[in-house]
Amino acid sequence: MIDWLAMGGYAGYVWGSYGVTLLVIWLELGALAKRRRRALERARAELEAVNGN
């Protein structure tokens, strides 16, 4: 198991790559959620403006 985790001496590169990838995915999901929230707020505001509420 330790040999597998060591990745033949390249563990820092391999696990670092996994870490960076997960970080980028996490940041992208956060950005998507923020854009979705803003789009919904904008759509609600436009709908209220059209309906006069």
N, C-alpha and C. Protein backbone atom coordinates (compact mmCIF):
# COMPACT_ATOMS: atom_id res chain seq x y z
N MET A 1 0.82 -1.19 0.00
CA MET A 1 0.00 0.00 0.00
C MET A 1 0.87 1.26 0.00
N ILE A 2 1.92 1.25 0.81
CA ILE A 2 2.82 2.41 0.87
C ILE A 2 3.49 2.62 -0.49
N ASP A 3 3.88 1.52 -1.14
CA ASP A 3 4.49 1.64 -2.46
C ASP A 3 3.52 2.27 -3.46
N TRP A 4 2.26 1.87 -3.36
CA TRP A 4 1.26 2.42 -4.27
C TRP A 4 1.08 3.91 -4.01
N LEU A 5 1.03 4.31 -2.74
CA LEU A 5 0.87 5.73 -2.41
C LEU A 5 2.09 6.54 -2.81
N ALA A 6 3.27 5.91 -2.79
CA ALA A 6 4.51 6.61 -3.17
C ALA A 6 4.58 6.84 -4.67
N MET A 7 3.82 6.08 -5.44
CA MET A 7 3.74 6.22 -6.91
C MET A 7 5.11 6.17 -7.57
N GLY A 8 5.94 5.27 -7.11
CA GLY A 8 7.25 5.10 -7.74
C GLY A 8 8.14 6.32 -7.60
N GLY A 9 7.98 7.08 -6.55
CA GLY A 9 8.80 8.27 -6.34
C GLY A 9 8.19 9.54 -6.91
N TYR A 10 7.06 9.42 -7.57
CA TYR A 10 6.41 10.58 -8.18
C TYR A 10 5.17 11.02 -7.41
N ALA A 11 5.07 10.62 -6.16
CA ALA A 11 3.86 10.90 -5.37
C ALA A 11 3.55 12.39 -5.29
N GLY A 12 4.56 13.21 -5.13
CA GLY A 12 4.33 14.65 -5.03
C GLY A 12 3.68 15.22 -6.28
N TYR A 13 4.13 14.74 -7.43
CA TYR A 13 3.56 15.20 -8.70
C TYR A 13 2.15 14.65 -8.90
N VAL A 14 1.99 13.36 -8.63
CA VAL A 14 0.69 12.72 -8.84
C VAL A 14 -0.35 13.29 -7.90
N TRP A 15 -0.07 13.26 -6.59
CA TRP A 15 -1.05 13.74 -5.63
C TRP A 15 -1.23 15.25 -5.73
N GLY A 16 -0.17 15.96 -6.09
CA GLY A 16 -0.31 17.40 -6.33
C GLY A 16 -1.24 17.69 -7.49
N SER A 17 -1.13 16.87 -8.54
CA SER A 17 -2.02 17.02 -9.70
C SER A 17 -3.47 16.78 -9.31
N TYR A 18 -3.68 15.74 -8.51
CA TYR A 18 -5.04 15.48 -8.03
C TYR A 18 -5.55 16.66 -7.21
N GLY A 19 -4.71 17.19 -6.35
CA GLY A 19 -5.11 18.31 -5.51
C GLY A 19 -5.47 19.54 -6.32
N VAL A 20 -4.62 19.87 -7.30
CA VAL A 20 -4.88 21.04 -8.14
C VAL A 20 -6.17 20.84 -8.94
N THR A 21 -6.35 19.64 -9.47
CA THR A 21 -7.56 19.34 -10.24
C THR A 21 -8.81 19.49 -9.38
N LEU A 22 -8.79 18.94 -8.18
CA LEU A 22 -9.94 19.07 -7.29
C LEU A 22 -10.19 20.53 -6.91
N LEU A 23 -9.13 21.29 -6.70
CA LEU A 23 -9.27 22.71 -6.38
C LEU A 23 -9.94 23.46 -7.53
N VAL A 24 -9.49 23.20 -8.75
CA VAL A 24 -10.05 23.88 -9.92
C VAL A 24 -11.53 23.50 -10.10
N ILE A 25 -11.85 22.23 -9.92
CA ILE A 25 -13.25 21.80 -10.03
C ILE A 25 -14.09 22.50 -8.97
N TRP A 26 -13.59 22.56 -7.74
CA TRP A 26 -14.31 23.21 -6.64
C TRP A 26 -14.54 24.70 -6.95
N LEU A 27 -13.50 25.38 -7.45
CA LEU A 27 -13.63 26.79 -7.80
C LEU A 27 -14.62 26.99 -8.94
N GLU A 28 -14.59 26.11 -9.93
CA GLU A 28 -15.51 26.21 -11.06
C GLU A 28 -16.96 26.01 -10.61
N LEU A 29 -17.18 25.04 -9.73
CA LEU A 29 -18.54 24.83 -9.21
C LEU A 29 -19.02 26.05 -8.44
N GLY A 30 -18.13 26.67 -7.68
CA GLY A 30 -18.49 27.89 -6.97
C GLY A 30 -18.84 29.02 -7.92
N ALA A 31 -18.04 29.17 -8.98
CA ALA A 31 -18.30 30.22 -9.97
C ALA A 31 -19.63 29.97 -10.69
N LEU A 32 -19.91 28.71 -11.02
CA LEU A 32 -21.17 28.38 -11.68
C LEU A 32 -22.36 28.68 -10.78
N ALA A 33 -22.25 28.35 -9.51
CA ALA A 33 -23.33 28.62 -8.56
C ALA A 33 -23.57 30.13 -8.44
N LYS A 34 -22.49 30.89 -8.42
CA LYS A 34 -22.61 32.34 -8.31
C LYS A 34 -23.27 32.93 -9.56
N ARG A 35 -22.86 32.44 -10.75
CA ARG A 35 -23.47 32.93 -11.99
C ARG A 35 -24.95 32.56 -12.08
N ARG A 36 -25.28 31.36 -11.63
CA ARG A 36 -26.68 30.92 -11.64
C ARG A 36 -27.52 31.79 -10.73
N ARG A 37 -27.00 32.06 -9.54
CA ARG A 37 -27.71 32.89 -8.57
C ARG A 37 -27.95 34.30 -9.14
N ARG A 38 -26.92 34.86 -9.78
CA ARG A 38 -27.06 36.20 -10.37
C ARG A 38 -28.07 36.19 -11.51
N ALA A 39 -28.04 35.15 -12.34
CA ALA A 39 -28.98 35.06 -13.45
C ALA A 39 -30.42 34.95 -12.95
N LEU A 40 -30.63 34.16 -11.90
CA LEU A 40 -31.97 34.05 -11.33
C LEU A 40 -32.44 35.37 -10.74
N GLU A 41 -31.55 36.07 -10.05
CA GLU A 41 -31.91 37.38 -9.50
C GLU A 41 -32.26 38.37 -10.60
N ARG A 42 -31.47 38.34 -11.68
CA ARG A 42 -31.73 39.23 -12.82
C ARG A 42 -33.07 38.89 -13.47
N ALA A 43 -33.35 37.60 -13.63
CA ALA A 43 -34.62 37.18 -14.24
C ALA A 43 -35.80 37.58 -13.36
N ARG A 44 -35.66 37.42 -12.05
CA ARG A 44 -36.73 37.83 -11.13
C ARG A 44 -36.98 39.33 -11.22
N ALA A 45 -35.91 40.10 -11.27
CA ALA A 45 -36.04 41.56 -11.36
C ALA A 45 -36.73 41.96 -12.66
N GLU A 46 -36.37 41.32 -13.76
CA GLU A 46 -37.01 41.62 -15.05
C GLU A 46 -38.48 41.24 -15.02
N LEU A 47 -38.79 40.10 -14.43
CA LEU A 47 -40.18 39.65 -14.35
C LEU A 47 -41.01 40.60 -13.49
N GLU A 48 -40.44 41.06 -12.39
CA GLU A 48 -41.14 42.01 -11.54
C GLU A 48 -41.35 43.34 -12.26
N ALA A 49 -40.36 43.76 -13.05
CA ALA A 49 -40.49 45.01 -13.80
C ALA A 49 -41.59 44.90 -14.85
N VAL A 50 -41.69 43.74 -15.49
CA VAL A 50 -42.72 43.54 -16.51
C VAL A 50 -44.10 43.47 -15.86
N ASN A 51 -44.20 42.80 -14.74
CA ASN A 51 -45.49 42.65 -14.06
C ASN A 51 -45.87 43.86 -13.22
N GLY A 52 -44.95 44.76 -13.02
CA GLY A 52 -45.23 45.97 -12.26
C GLY A 52 -45.30 45.77 -10.76
N ASN A 53 -44.66 44.76 -10.27
CA ASN A 53 -44.65 44.49 -8.82
C ASN A 53 -43.44 45.09 -8.19
